[in-house]
């Protein structure tokens, strides 16, 4: 591939768009289906690009960010850098959801959400705890690899340095392993709605499915669990087990709850100011994953799922602007690897990415930047003014 001198001056990435146009197209495609993204891109810029171009640019950028995230994990594992400062109370919640692949196959995507727990407030006579400043990490991978790959986001959020952490999860065994890996001292809380599902199965066995009696029974027992704890309720279920020793709805659900008795001490958790629900990760499944990867008619090639998830977590964590600098720098060096400094770190911070881009500018045309009164500066300023306003959107 051959590039003209103007390509270098405008610092174009591969393709016909300027870096700004390239970013806009990828960002739109990370929000919506590729057909809609290129249509909206043309409405905004007047530039017609095909769906295939939008898809290729997006998948390339997503693969680069996935690569950067993996390198961050390796950097954390190797150097174990310390987190500055001490954070307050954090909540982590993880879960999985399914996405459609080609040929009718489905795959599970795992997501972890990290957020800052806010002080409890009274709402309709109840203490309500909210979790804010959420960030996300998602991958289609096995549970052990997900534990390792999520280390980068955990470290970024300072989980290991927080004053206290609550792991609010459902009862899946892989989630306990996940918590052991990242924060073994975390307060472990079984998602209240998940506990309610198991209690409801006992009530429906006793009073019939979806009956008024079973609903009233469930409401009574959930109020008791939430405000008085599980002790009395579990004793009642043990009596039912002796009465119905062969009934799985009783024995199975009792065994499940008894095993997690320490995780359903909801009055204690609420008194300590912890949330008792994992709604943040259920929302994340919809917001991060399903909103973009589970639309009508969508079927993904397996290798394209994680690149899109990388971009989705970037957008939903509200870190697009600073992280795009790193993506752009890596895309540029992949385009012109001979320009990559031999000492360039594999993992670029925002400032390191900016420094390398600025270094390229100085190396390609040092006089205009050092001497504003020189003639070449006028040429440079004109080119960059056109670039800034989107008028030089194609390569020559």
Protein backbone atom coordinates (compact mmCIF):
# COMPACT_ATOMS: atom_id res chain seq x y z
CA UNK A 1 0.00 0.00 0.00
CA UNK A 2 1.30 3.47 -0.94
CA UNK A 3 0.53 6.69 0.97
CA UNK A 4 0.93 10.24 -0.27
CA UNK A 5 2.74 12.98 1.70
CA UNK A 6 -0.66 14.52 2.49
CA UNK A 7 -1.63 11.30 4.29
CA UNK A 8 1.27 11.84 6.68
CA UNK A 9 0.50 15.53 7.17
CA UNK A 10 -3.15 14.85 8.05
CA UNK A 11 -2.17 11.70 9.97
CA UNK A 12 -4.87 9.68 8.27
CA UNK A 13 -5.67 6.18 9.36
CA UNK A 14 -6.14 3.36 6.88
CA UNK A 15 -9.01 4.15 4.50
CA UNK A 16 -10.42 7.35 3.08
CA UNK A 17 -11.61 9.14 6.20
CA UNK A 18 -9.78 11.57 8.45
CA UNK A 19 -9.13 10.41 12.02
CA UNK A 20 -12.13 12.46 13.14
CA UNK A 21 -14.40 10.92 10.51
CA UNK A 22 -13.02 7.47 11.31
CA UNK A 23 -13.82 7.93 14.99
CA UNK A 24 -17.32 9.23 14.32
CA UNK A 25 -18.16 6.26 12.09
CA UNK A 26 -16.88 3.73 14.64
CA UNK A 27 -18.69 5.46 17.48
CA UNK A 28 -22.00 5.48 15.64
CA UNK A 29 -21.56 1.82 14.67
CA UNK A 30 -20.96 0.96 18.31
CA UNK A 31 -24.35 2.41 19.20
CA UNK A 32 -26.53 1.05 16.42
CA UNK A 33 -26.67 -1.48 13.54
CA UNK A 34 -24.14 -0.83 10.79
CA UNK A 35 -26.82 0.05 8.20
CA UNK A 36 -28.25 2.76 10.44
CA UNK A 37 -24.80 4.00 11.45
CA UNK A 38 -23.56 4.65 7.89
CA UNK A 39 -26.86 6.29 7.00
CA UNK A 40 -26.63 8.64 9.97
CA UNK A 41 -22.94 9.25 9.24
CA UNK A 42 -23.84 10.40 5.72
CA UNK A 43 -26.58 12.67 7.11
CA UNK A 44 -24.09 14.27 9.51
CA UNK A 45 -21.08 14.56 7.21
CA UNK A 46 -22.33 14.27 3.64
CA UNK A 47 -19.98 11.32 3.11
CA UNK A 48 -21.33 8.10 1.66
CA UNK A 49 -19.69 4.95 3.02
CA UNK A 50 -20.89 1.40 2.68
CA UNK A 51 -22.14 -0.83 5.46
CA UNK A 52 -19.13 -3.10 4.88
CA UNK A 53 -16.72 -0.20 5.44
CA UNK A 54 -18.47 0.82 8.64
CA UNK A 55 -18.44 -2.75 9.88
CA UNK A 56 -14.76 -3.26 9.01
CA UNK A 57 -13.63 -0.04 10.69
CA UNK A 58 -15.65 -0.87 13.81
CA UNK A 59 -14.43 -4.43 14.08
CA UNK A 60 -10.81 -3.31 13.61
CA UNK A 61 -11.13 -0.65 16.32
CA UNK A 62 -12.87 -3.09 18.65
CA UNK A 63 -10.19 -5.73 18.10
CA UNK A 64 -7.53 -3.12 18.91
CA UNK A 65 -9.25 -2.14 22.15
CA UNK A 66 -9.72 -5.77 23.10
CA UNK A 67 -5.98 -6.16 22.53
CA UNK A 68 -5.22 -3.12 24.69
CA UNK A 69 -7.45 -4.40 27.49
CA UNK A 70 -5.68 -7.77 27.44
CA UNK A 71 -2.30 -6.04 27.59
CA UNK A 72 -3.48 -4.02 30.58
CA UNK A 73 -4.33 -7.25 32.39
CA UNK A 74 -0.89 -8.68 31.62
CA UNK A 75 0.69 -5.45 32.86
CA UNK A 76 -1.27 -5.60 36.13
CA UNK A 77 -0.38 -9.27 36.62
CA UNK A 78 3.27 -8.60 35.93
CA UNK A 79 3.87 -5.37 37.87
CA UNK A 80 0.98 -5.27 40.36
CA UNK A 81 0.92 -1.44 40.38
CA UNK A 82 -0.56 0.14 43.48
CA UNK A 83 -3.84 2.03 43.34
CA UNK A 84 -3.56 5.56 44.62
CA UNK A 85 -5.91 6.70 47.34
CA UNK A 86 -8.50 4.78 49.28
CA UNK A 87 -11.98 4.51 47.86
CA UNK A 88 -15.19 4.18 49.83
CA UNK A 89 -17.69 1.33 49.48
CA UNK A 90 -17.88 -0.49 46.16
CA UNK A 91 -20.38 -2.97 44.78
CA UNK A 92 -19.47 -5.61 42.22
CA UNK A 93 -22.11 -7.68 40.44
CA UNK A 94 -21.58 -10.16 37.62
CA UNK A 95 -23.89 -12.24 35.46
CA UNK A 96 -24.24 -13.75 32.01
CA UNK A 97 -26.62 -13.42 29.08
CA UNK A 98 -26.93 -15.07 25.68
CA UNK A 99 -26.19 -13.57 22.26
CA UNK A 100 -27.05 -15.05 18.85
CA UNK A 101 -24.27 -16.38 16.61
CA UNK A 102 -24.33 -17.51 13.00
CA UNK A 103 -26.10 -20.74 12.02
CA UNK A 104 -28.54 -20.61 14.93
CA UNK A 105 -25.92 -20.99 17.65
CA UNK A 106 -25.91 -19.03 20.91
CA UNK A 107 -23.08 -18.00 23.23
CA UNK A 108 -22.95 -16.68 26.78
CA UNK A 109 -21.47 -13.25 27.42
CA UNK A 110 -20.34 -12.55 30.97
CA UNK A 111 -20.42 -9.02 32.38
CA UNK A 112 -19.17 -7.48 35.61
CA UNK A 113 -20.32 -4.08 36.87
CA UNK A 114 -18.41 -2.01 39.42
CA UNK A 115 -19.95 0.99 41.16
CA UNK A 116 -19.75 3.29 44.16
CA UNK A 117 -22.31 2.61 46.89
CA UNK A 118 -24.16 5.75 47.99
CA UNK A 119 -25.53 6.46 51.47
CA UNK A 120 -28.97 4.99 52.12
CA UNK A 121 -32.03 7.22 51.72
CA UNK A 122 -35.58 6.71 52.96
CA UNK A 123 -38.16 6.08 50.25
CA UNK A 124 -41.74 5.18 51.17
CA UNK A 125 -40.53 4.20 54.62
CA UNK A 126 -37.83 1.86 53.26
CA UNK A 127 -34.06 2.32 53.31
CA UNK A 128 -32.95 2.41 49.67
CA UNK A 129 -29.31 2.13 48.63
CA UNK A 130 -28.18 3.22 45.16
CA UNK A 131 -24.94 2.45 43.35
CA UNK A 132 -23.54 5.13 41.03
CA UNK A 133 -20.56 5.78 38.71
CA UNK A 134 -20.86 2.38 37.07
CA UNK A 135 -18.30 0.83 34.77
CA UNK A 136 -18.41 -2.42 32.87
CA UNK A 137 -16.36 -5.28 31.49
CA UNK A 138 -17.85 -7.93 29.19
CA UNK A 139 -16.43 -10.93 27.36
CA UNK A 140 -17.58 -14.07 25.61
CA UNK A 141 -15.27 -16.52 27.31
CA UNK A 142 -15.09 -19.19 29.98
CA UNK A 143 -15.48 -18.33 33.64
CA UNK A 144 -11.79 -18.75 34.57
CA UNK A 145 -10.57 -16.61 31.69
CA UNK A 146 -13.24 -14.02 32.48
CA UNK A 147 -11.89 -13.81 36.02
CA UNK A 148 -8.44 -13.03 34.66
CA UNK A 149 -9.48 -10.63 31.90
CA UNK A 150 -11.68 -8.54 34.20
CA UNK A 151 -8.63 -7.80 36.36
CA UNK A 152 -7.88 -4.68 34.30
CA UNK A 153 -11.23 -3.04 35.07
CA UNK A 154 -11.10 -4.17 38.68
CA UNK A 155 -7.68 -2.55 39.06
CA UNK A 156 -8.79 0.60 37.26
CA UNK A 157 -11.65 1.01 39.73
CA UNK A 158 -9.43 0.30 42.74
CA UNK A 159 -11.40 -2.68 44.04
CA UNK A 160 -8.38 -4.02 45.92
CA UNK A 161 -7.95 -0.67 47.68
CA UNK A 162 -11.56 0.05 48.62
CA UNK A 163 -12.59 0.42 52.25
CA UNK A 164 -15.23 -2.26 51.75
CA UNK A 165 -16.66 -4.26 48.86
CA UNK A 166 -19.96 -6.09 48.51
CA UNK A 167 -20.35 -8.84 45.92
CA UNK A 168 -24.08 -8.86 45.17
CA UNK A 169 -24.68 -11.85 42.89
CA UNK A 170 -27.04 -14.66 42.14
CA UNK A 171 -26.17 -18.13 43.38
CA UNK A 172 -24.12 -19.49 40.46
CA UNK A 173 -20.95 -21.27 41.56
CA UNK A 174 -18.72 -19.47 39.04
CA UNK A 175 -19.66 -16.17 40.68
CA UNK A 176 -18.30 -17.38 44.01
CA UNK A 177 -15.05 -18.30 42.30
CA UNK A 178 -15.03 -14.87 40.64
CA UNK A 179 -15.39 -13.19 44.03
CA UNK A 180 -12.66 -15.39 45.55
CA UNK A 181 -10.30 -14.36 42.76
CA UNK A 182 -10.82 -10.59 42.96
CA UNK A 183 -11.93 -9.77 46.50
CA UNK A 184 -12.12 -12.77 48.84
CA UNK A 185 -12.91 -10.53 51.81
CA UNK A 186 -15.96 -9.01 50.14
CA UNK A 187 -19.35 -9.07 51.85
CA UNK A 188 -21.27 -11.69 49.88
CA UNK A 189 -24.95 -10.98 49.32
CA UNK A 190 -27.33 -13.21 47.43
CA UNK A 191 -29.46 -11.05 45.14
CA UNK A 192 -32.78 -10.64 46.96
CA UNK A 193 -34.90 -11.28 43.85
CA UNK A 194 -32.96 -14.49 43.25
CA UNK A 195 -33.67 -15.69 46.80
CA UNK A 196 -37.31 -14.79 46.24
CA UNK A 197 -37.49 -17.12 43.21
CA UNK A 198 -36.52 -20.11 45.35
CA UNK A 199 -38.94 -19.18 48.13
CA UNK A 200 -41.71 -18.72 45.58
CA UNK A 201 -41.25 -22.30 44.30
CA UNK A 202 -42.02 -23.59 47.79
CA UNK A 203 -45.11 -21.38 48.04
CA UNK A 204 -46.42 -22.50 44.65
CA UNK A 205 -46.01 -26.14 45.66
CA UNK A 206 -48.07 -25.48 48.79
CA UNK A 207 -50.77 -23.23 47.31
CA UNK A 208 -50.68 -23.65 43.53
CA UNK A 209 -48.92 -21.77 40.77
CA UNK A 210 -49.86 -18.09 40.37
CA UNK A 211 -52.66 -18.40 42.90
CA UNK A 212 -53.69 -15.57 45.20
CA UNK A 213 -52.82 -17.76 48.17
CA UNK A 214 -49.28 -18.40 46.95
CA UNK A 215 -48.76 -14.69 46.22
CA UNK A 216 -49.93 -13.72 49.71
CA UNK A 217 -47.73 -16.45 51.21
CA UNK A 218 -44.72 -15.21 49.23
CA UNK A 219 -45.25 -11.57 50.21
CA UNK A 220 -45.42 -12.53 53.89
CA UNK A 221 -42.22 -14.60 53.77
CA UNK A 222 -40.24 -12.03 51.78
CA UNK A 223 -41.18 -9.31 54.26
CA UNK A 224 -40.05 -11.59 57.06
CA UNK A 225 -36.78 -12.38 55.30
CA UNK A 226 -36.03 -8.76 54.52
CA UNK A 227 -36.78 -7.35 57.95
CA UNK A 228 -36.24 -10.23 60.38
CA UNK A 229 -33.72 -12.42 58.60
CA UNK A 230 -33.83 -16.06 57.47
CA UNK A 231 -33.71 -17.96 60.79
CA UNK A 232 -37.44 -18.37 61.43
CA UNK A 233 -38.22 -18.95 57.76
CA UNK A 234 -35.62 -21.72 57.42
CA UNK A 235 -37.00 -23.49 60.52
CA UNK A 236 -40.43 -23.44 58.92
CA UNK A 237 -39.02 -24.89 55.67
CA UNK A 238 -37.25 -27.65 57.61
CA UNK A 239 -40.60 -28.71 59.09
CA UNK A 240 -42.02 -28.78 55.56
CA UNK A 241 -39.09 -30.95 54.47
CA UNK A 242 -39.93 -33.51 57.16
CA UNK A 243 -43.51 -33.48 56.00
CA UNK A 244 -42.63 -33.74 52.28
CA UNK A 245 -39.25 -35.56 52.26
CA UNK A 246 -39.51 -36.56 48.60
CA UNK A 247 -40.67 -33.21 47.25
CA UNK A 248 -37.89 -31.45 45.31
CA UNK A 249 -39.65 -28.08 45.41
CA UNK A 250 -39.17 -28.13 49.19
CA UNK A 251 -35.98 -30.11 49.75
CA UNK A 252 -34.05 -28.65 46.81
CA UNK A 253 -34.92 -25.02 47.53
CA UNK A 254 -34.31 -25.44 51.24
CA UNK A 255 -30.86 -26.90 50.55
CA UNK A 256 -30.09 -23.98 48.21
CA UNK A 257 -31.09 -21.34 50.77
CA UNK A 258 -29.50 -23.14 53.72
CA UNK A 259 -26.16 -23.33 51.90
CA UNK A 260 -26.30 -19.55 51.38
CA UNK A 261 -27.66 -18.63 54.81
CA UNK A 262 -24.81 -16.17 55.45
CA UNK A 263 -25.61 -14.45 52.15
CA UNK A 264 -29.29 -13.81 52.96
CA UNK A 265 -28.85 -11.89 56.22
CA UNK A 266 -30.63 -8.94 54.65
CA UNK A 267 -31.43 -6.93 57.82
CA UNK A 268 -27.70 -6.89 58.67
CA UNK A 269 -26.70 -5.91 55.14
CA UNK A 270 -29.22 -3.06 55.05
CA UNK A 271 -28.09 -1.83 58.46
CA UNK A 272 -24.54 -1.71 57.08
CA UNK A 273 -25.69 0.38 54.12
CA UNK A 274 -25.33 -2.28 51.42
CA UNK A 275 -27.64 -2.84 48.45
CA UNK A 276 -29.34 -6.24 48.45
CA UNK A 277 -30.13 -6.44 44.73
CA UNK A 278 -27.96 -7.01 41.66
CA UNK A 279 -30.11 -4.93 39.35
CA UNK A 280 -27.06 -3.06 38.08
CA UNK A 281 -25.78 -6.14 36.24
CA UNK A 282 -29.23 -7.13 34.97
CA UNK A 283 -29.46 -3.63 33.50
CA UNK A 284 -25.93 -4.03 32.13
CA UNK A 285 -26.93 -7.16 30.25
CA UNK A 286 -29.55 -5.08 28.45
CA UNK A 287 -27.58 -1.83 28.14
CA UNK A 288 -24.11 -3.11 27.26
CA UNK A 289 -24.79 -6.39 25.50
CA UNK A 290 -28.33 -6.88 24.26
CA UNK A 291 -28.93 -3.31 23.07
CA UNK A 292 -26.28 -3.77 20.36
CA UNK A 293 -25.74 -7.51 19.92
CA UNK A 294 -29.26 -8.88 20.22
CA UNK A 295 -31.29 -6.80 17.81
CA UNK A 296 -33.82 -8.17 15.30
CA UNK A 297 -32.15 -10.38 12.72
CA UNK A 298 -28.69 -10.09 14.25
CA UNK A 299 -26.36 -13.09 14.12
CA UNK A 300 -22.69 -12.59 14.94
CA UNK A 301 -19.58 -14.36 13.81
CA UNK A 302 -17.90 -15.61 16.96
CA UNK A 303 -14.70 -13.63 16.38
CA UNK A 304 -16.61 -10.34 16.15
CA UNK A 305 -18.45 -10.57 19.48
CA UNK A 306 -15.61 -9.55 21.81
CA UNK A 307 -14.43 -6.58 19.69
CA UNK A 308 -17.96 -5.17 19.78
CA UNK A 309 -18.22 -5.86 23.51
CA UNK A 310 -14.95 -3.99 24.04
CA UNK A 311 -16.40 -0.90 22.35
CA UNK A 312 -19.73 -1.24 24.14
CA UNK A 313 -18.12 -1.34 27.58
CA UNK A 314 -16.01 1.65 26.60
CA UNK A 315 -19.08 3.67 25.62
CA UNK A 316 -21.24 2.62 28.54
CA UNK A 317 -18.43 3.30 31.02
CA UNK A 318 -18.26 6.87 29.59
CA UNK A 319 -14.56 6.70 28.73
CA UNK A 320 -14.77 7.04 24.96
CA UNK A 321 -12.80 10.26 24.45
CA UNK A 322 -9.69 9.36 26.39
CA UNK A 323 -9.63 5.71 25.35
CA UNK A 324 -10.11 6.50 21.65
CA UNK A 325 -6.72 8.23 21.72
CA UNK A 326 -5.15 4.89 22.57
CA UNK A 327 -7.16 3.05 19.92
CA UNK A 328 -6.19 5.62 17.30
CA UNK A 329 -2.52 5.46 18.25
CA UNK A 330 -2.53 1.66 17.98
CA UNK A 331 -4.37 1.75 14.63
CA UNK A 332 -1.84 4.25 13.29
CA UNK A 333 1.13 2.12 14.33
CA UNK A 334 -0.47 -0.98 12.86
CA UNK A 335 -0.77 0.97 9.60
CA UNK A 336 2.85 2.18 9.72
CA UNK A 337 4.70 -0.20 12.06
CA UNK A 338 8.09 1.09 10.89
CA UNK A 339 7.29 4.37 12.68
CA UNK A 340 6.69 2.75 16.04
CA UNK A 341 9.46 3.75 18.48
CA UNK A 342 11.32 0.69 19.68
CA UNK A 343 10.83 1.85 23.25
CA UNK A 344 7.07 2.44 22.95
CA UNK A 345 5.19 0.68 25.77
CA UNK A 346 2.72 -2.01 24.82
CA UNK A 347 0.07 -0.37 27.01
CA UNK A 348 -0.40 3.33 26.34
CA UNK A 349 -2.01 5.66 28.83
CA UNK A 350 -3.93 8.66 27.57
CA UNK A 351 -0.97 11.00 28.07
CA UNK A 352 1.47 8.53 26.51
CA UNK A 353 -0.74 8.25 23.44
CA UNK A 354 -0.90 12.03 23.15
CA UNK A 355 2.85 12.30 23.58
CA UNK A 356 3.53 9.81 20.80
CA UNK A 357 1.12 11.57 18.44
CA UNK A 358 2.75 14.92 19.22
CA UNK A 359 6.19 13.38 18.69
CA UNK A 360 5.12 12.32 15.20
CA UNK A 361 3.97 15.84 14.42
CA UNK A 362 7.29 17.31 15.55
CA UNK A 363 9.26 14.75 13.59
CA UNK A 364 7.31 15.26 10.37
CA UNK A 365 7.42 19.08 10.35
CA UNK A 366 9.40 20.61 13.23
CA UNK A 367 9.86 24.14 11.80
CA UNK A 368 6.19 25.23 11.76
CA UNK A 369 5.65 24.14 15.34
CA UNK A 370 8.84 25.78 16.60
CA UNK A 371 8.69 28.97 14.53
CA UNK A 372 5.17 30.40 14.17
CA UNK A 373 6.40 33.23 11.93
CA UNK A 374 7.84 30.93 9.26
CA UNK A 375 6.17 30.41 5.89
CA UNK A 376 5.69 26.64 6.31
CA UNK A 377 3.55 27.39 9.37
CA UNK A 378 0.93 29.07 7.20
CA UNK A 379 0.72 26.02 4.98
CA UNK A 380 0.44 23.76 8.03
CA UNK A 381 -2.19 25.91 9.70
CA UNK A 382 -4.31 25.93 6.57
CA UNK A 383 -4.16 22.16 6.25
CA UNK A 384 -5.05 21.60 9.88
CA UNK A 385 -7.84 24.16 9.74
CA UNK A 386 -9.41 22.26 6.87
CA UNK A 387 -8.89 19.02 8.74
CA UNK A 388 -10.47 20.40 11.88
CA UNK A 389 -13.62 21.51 10.06
CA UNK A 390 -13.94 18.24 8.19
CA UNK A 391 -13.22 19.63 4.73
CA UNK A 392 -10.28 17.37 3.95
CA UNK A 393 -12.11 14.11 4.51
CA UNK A 394 -10.50 12.04 1.76
CA UNK A 395 -7.00 11.00 0.90
CA UNK A 396 -5.43 12.44 -2.25
